[in-house]
Structures are given as C-alpha cells and as structure tokens.
Amino acid sequence: MENDRQKIIIGGEDLFRPGSAELSARGKRLLQTDVAPDLKGFRNRIEIKGNTAGATNETQDLWALGYARAYSVMRYLVDDCGIEENRFRLISAADNEPRDPANPALNRRVEVVMTEALVSGGGE
C-alpha cells in the first residue's frame, strides 16, 4: 500500500486474485483499517480506479474487470465501512496504466483518491 496525501493504492495478491474482482479477506482488513478511516468525516468526492494485470494473466474483458474491482471496493467501503455512496465515482483503466510490467501482481490494484471536489447534500 502506498499513501500519497489523498491517494491510496492497494493491490497485488492482498486485494484480488488473477481474473477476480472478489475482495480477499486481507484486502477487506486493509480497507477497514487503513483506507476507510482516512475517508470518513469528509464531504469530498472519492474516485476509485480499477486496474488489471493484462491479458496474459487475466483473460476476460479487462475494462469490465477493472470496473468490477472498483465497484467491489466501493461496495465494501459503503456497506461495511459506512462511507456515503454518493461520494464515489468509479473508473476502469484496464491494463493501460501498469505500475510494473515485470510484476503483473502489482498491476492488479485499485487506486482510491479523495478529490478536492465536494459532494452537495442532496440528490439529483
């Protein structure tokens, strides 16, 4: 995991197995203890970007897999950590933004960014 002010990156075997968007038990613990506390108590919009390792390790639609990973993390943060759903924006980068081409597990990740934009109080 890497923190850069408002950006938190979690990935590798800690979060997802190849081809999967199902959160691991360790990934859930990381979200609960290391991510959610930094996001609570604010009104800032949160962007979650799902990334994949690439076609050699994950053989399905990589765009859909990246989005499914972002969605899985958002659902956990909303349902289990109590963060407001209207704060989230989800993005898929598929395999277009590798962190380390030599280590595919590092590319299988999500990036959680708390932006400067604030969420208004009401719905649409």
Protein backbone atom coordinates (compact mmCIF):
# COMPACT_ATOMS: atom_id res chain seq x y z
CA MET A 1 0.00 0.00 0.00
CA GLU A 2 1.19 3.49 -0.81
CA ASN A 3 -0.17 6.77 0.56
CA ASP A 4 0.41 10.00 -1.33
CA ARG A 5 -1.57 12.65 0.53
CA GLN A 6 -5.07 11.88 -0.68
CA LYS A 7 -4.21 8.88 -2.86
CA ILE A 8 -4.15 5.31 -1.57
CA ILE A 9 -3.05 2.42 -3.78
CA ILE A 10 -3.79 -1.17 -2.78
CA GLY A 11 -3.03 -4.11 -4.98
CA GLY A 12 -1.40 -7.41 -5.70
CA GLU A 13 -2.35 -10.64 -4.00
CA ASP A 14 -3.52 -8.61 -0.98
CA LEU A 15 -6.64 -7.50 -2.78
CA PHE A 16 -7.58 -9.67 -5.80
CA ARG A 17 -6.61 -12.97 -7.36
CA PRO A 18 -5.95 -13.02 -11.12
CA GLY A 19 -9.16 -12.62 -13.10
CA SER A 20 -11.21 -11.89 -9.97
CA ALA A 21 -13.00 -8.84 -8.58
CA GLU A 22 -13.75 -10.58 -5.26
CA LEU A 23 -12.00 -8.90 -2.34
CA SER A 24 -9.68 -11.11 -0.32
CA ALA A 25 -10.02 -11.27 3.48
CA ARG A 26 -6.71 -9.38 3.80
CA GLY A 27 -7.95 -6.77 1.32
CA LYS A 28 -11.09 -6.24 3.40
CA ARG A 29 -8.97 -5.77 6.53
CA LEU A 30 -6.77 -3.23 4.72
CA LEU A 31 -9.81 -1.29 3.54
CA GLN A 32 -11.32 -1.36 7.04
CA THR A 33 -8.19 -0.32 8.95
CA ASP A 34 -6.04 1.66 6.51
CA VAL A 35 -8.39 3.22 3.96
CA ALA A 36 -11.83 3.88 5.46
CA PRO A 37 -10.56 5.93 8.44
CA ASP A 38 -8.86 8.36 6.03
CA LEU A 39 -12.09 8.83 4.04
CA LYS A 40 -14.62 9.21 6.85
CA GLY A 41 -15.77 12.56 8.16
CA PHE A 42 -15.35 14.44 4.88
CA ARG A 43 -17.65 15.51 2.04
CA ASN A 44 -15.01 15.15 -0.67
CA ARG A 45 -15.72 13.05 -3.74
CA ILE A 46 -13.83 9.76 -3.84
CA GLU A 47 -12.61 8.23 -7.11
CA ILE A 48 -11.80 4.54 -7.28
CA LYS A 49 -9.87 3.36 -10.32
CA GLY A 50 -9.72 -0.37 -11.04
CA ASN A 51 -6.66 -1.76 -12.81
CA THR A 52 -5.77 -5.16 -14.25
CA ALA A 53 -2.52 -7.03 -14.85
CA GLY A 54 -3.08 -7.65 -18.55
CA ALA A 55 -4.31 -10.24 -20.97
CA THR A 56 -1.64 -12.82 -20.14
CA ASN A 57 -2.81 -13.09 -16.52
CA GLU A 58 -6.47 -12.09 -16.74
CA THR A 59 -8.25 -13.40 -19.78
CA GLN A 60 -11.65 -11.72 -19.62
CA ASP A 61 -12.77 -8.23 -20.68
CA LEU A 62 -10.15 -6.15 -18.86
CA TRP A 63 -12.29 -2.99 -18.90
CA ALA A 64 -15.14 -4.80 -17.20
CA LEU A 65 -12.77 -6.44 -14.71
CA GLY A 66 -11.19 -3.10 -13.78
CA TYR A 67 -14.63 -1.60 -13.22
CA ALA A 68 -15.79 -4.64 -11.24
CA ARG A 69 -12.77 -4.26 -8.94
CA ALA A 70 -13.53 -0.58 -8.36
CA TYR A 71 -17.19 -1.46 -7.71
CA SER A 72 -16.26 -4.23 -5.28
CA VAL A 73 -14.09 -1.85 -3.24
CA MET A 74 -16.80 0.85 -3.28
CA ARG A 75 -19.46 -1.62 -2.12
CA TYR A 76 -17.26 -2.73 0.76
CA LEU A 77 -16.49 0.86 1.80
CA VAL A 78 -20.22 1.72 1.70
CA ASP A 79 -21.75 -1.45 3.11
CA ASP A 80 -19.14 -2.41 5.70
CA CYS A 81 -17.34 0.83 6.49
CA GLY A 82 -20.25 3.28 6.42
CA ILE A 83 -18.97 5.73 3.82
CA GLU A 84 -21.69 7.59 1.89
CA GLU A 85 -22.34 6.07 -1.54
CA ASN A 86 -22.97 9.45 -3.20
CA ARG A 87 -19.31 10.39 -2.69
CA PHE A 88 -17.98 7.79 -5.13
CA ARG A 89 -17.02 7.88 -8.80
CA LEU A 90 -15.74 4.66 -10.39
CA ILE A 91 -13.22 4.36 -13.22
CA SER A 92 -11.63 1.45 -15.08
CA ALA A 93 -8.13 1.76 -16.52
CA ALA A 94 -7.99 -1.93 -17.55
CA ASP A 95 -4.29 -2.70 -18.19
CA ASN A 96 -3.43 0.74 -19.63
CA GLU A 97 -1.59 2.09 -16.55
CA PRO A 98 0.84 -0.61 -15.38
CA ARG A 99 2.94 0.14 -12.30
CA ASP A 100 5.46 -2.61 -13.01
CA PRO A 101 5.33 -4.53 -16.31
CA ALA A 102 7.72 -7.14 -14.88
CA ASN A 103 5.47 -7.88 -11.86
CA PRO A 104 1.84 -8.34 -13.00
CA ALA A 105 0.56 -8.75 -9.42
CA LEU A 106 1.43 -5.09 -8.70
CA ASN A 107 -0.73 -4.01 -11.64
CA ARG A 108 -3.78 -5.82 -10.21
CA ARG A 109 -4.90 -2.97 -7.98
CA VAL A 110 -7.26 -0.16 -7.16
CA GLU A 111 -6.40 3.47 -6.60
CA VAL A 112 -8.56 5.37 -4.12
CA VAL A 113 -8.33 9.16 -4.42
CA MET A 114 -10.13 11.68 -2.27
CA THR A 115 -10.51 14.65 -4.61
CA GLU A 116 -10.88 18.35 -3.81
CA ALA A 117 -14.44 18.37 -5.20
CA LEU A 118 -17.15 18.37 -2.57
CA VAL A 119 -20.39 16.42 -2.74
CA SER A 120 -23.51 18.51 -2.27
CA GLY A 121 -26.01 17.50 0.40
CA GLY A 122 -28.97 16.46 -1.76
CA GLY A 123 -29.71 14.04 -4.56
CA GLU A 124 -30.42 14.90 -8.20
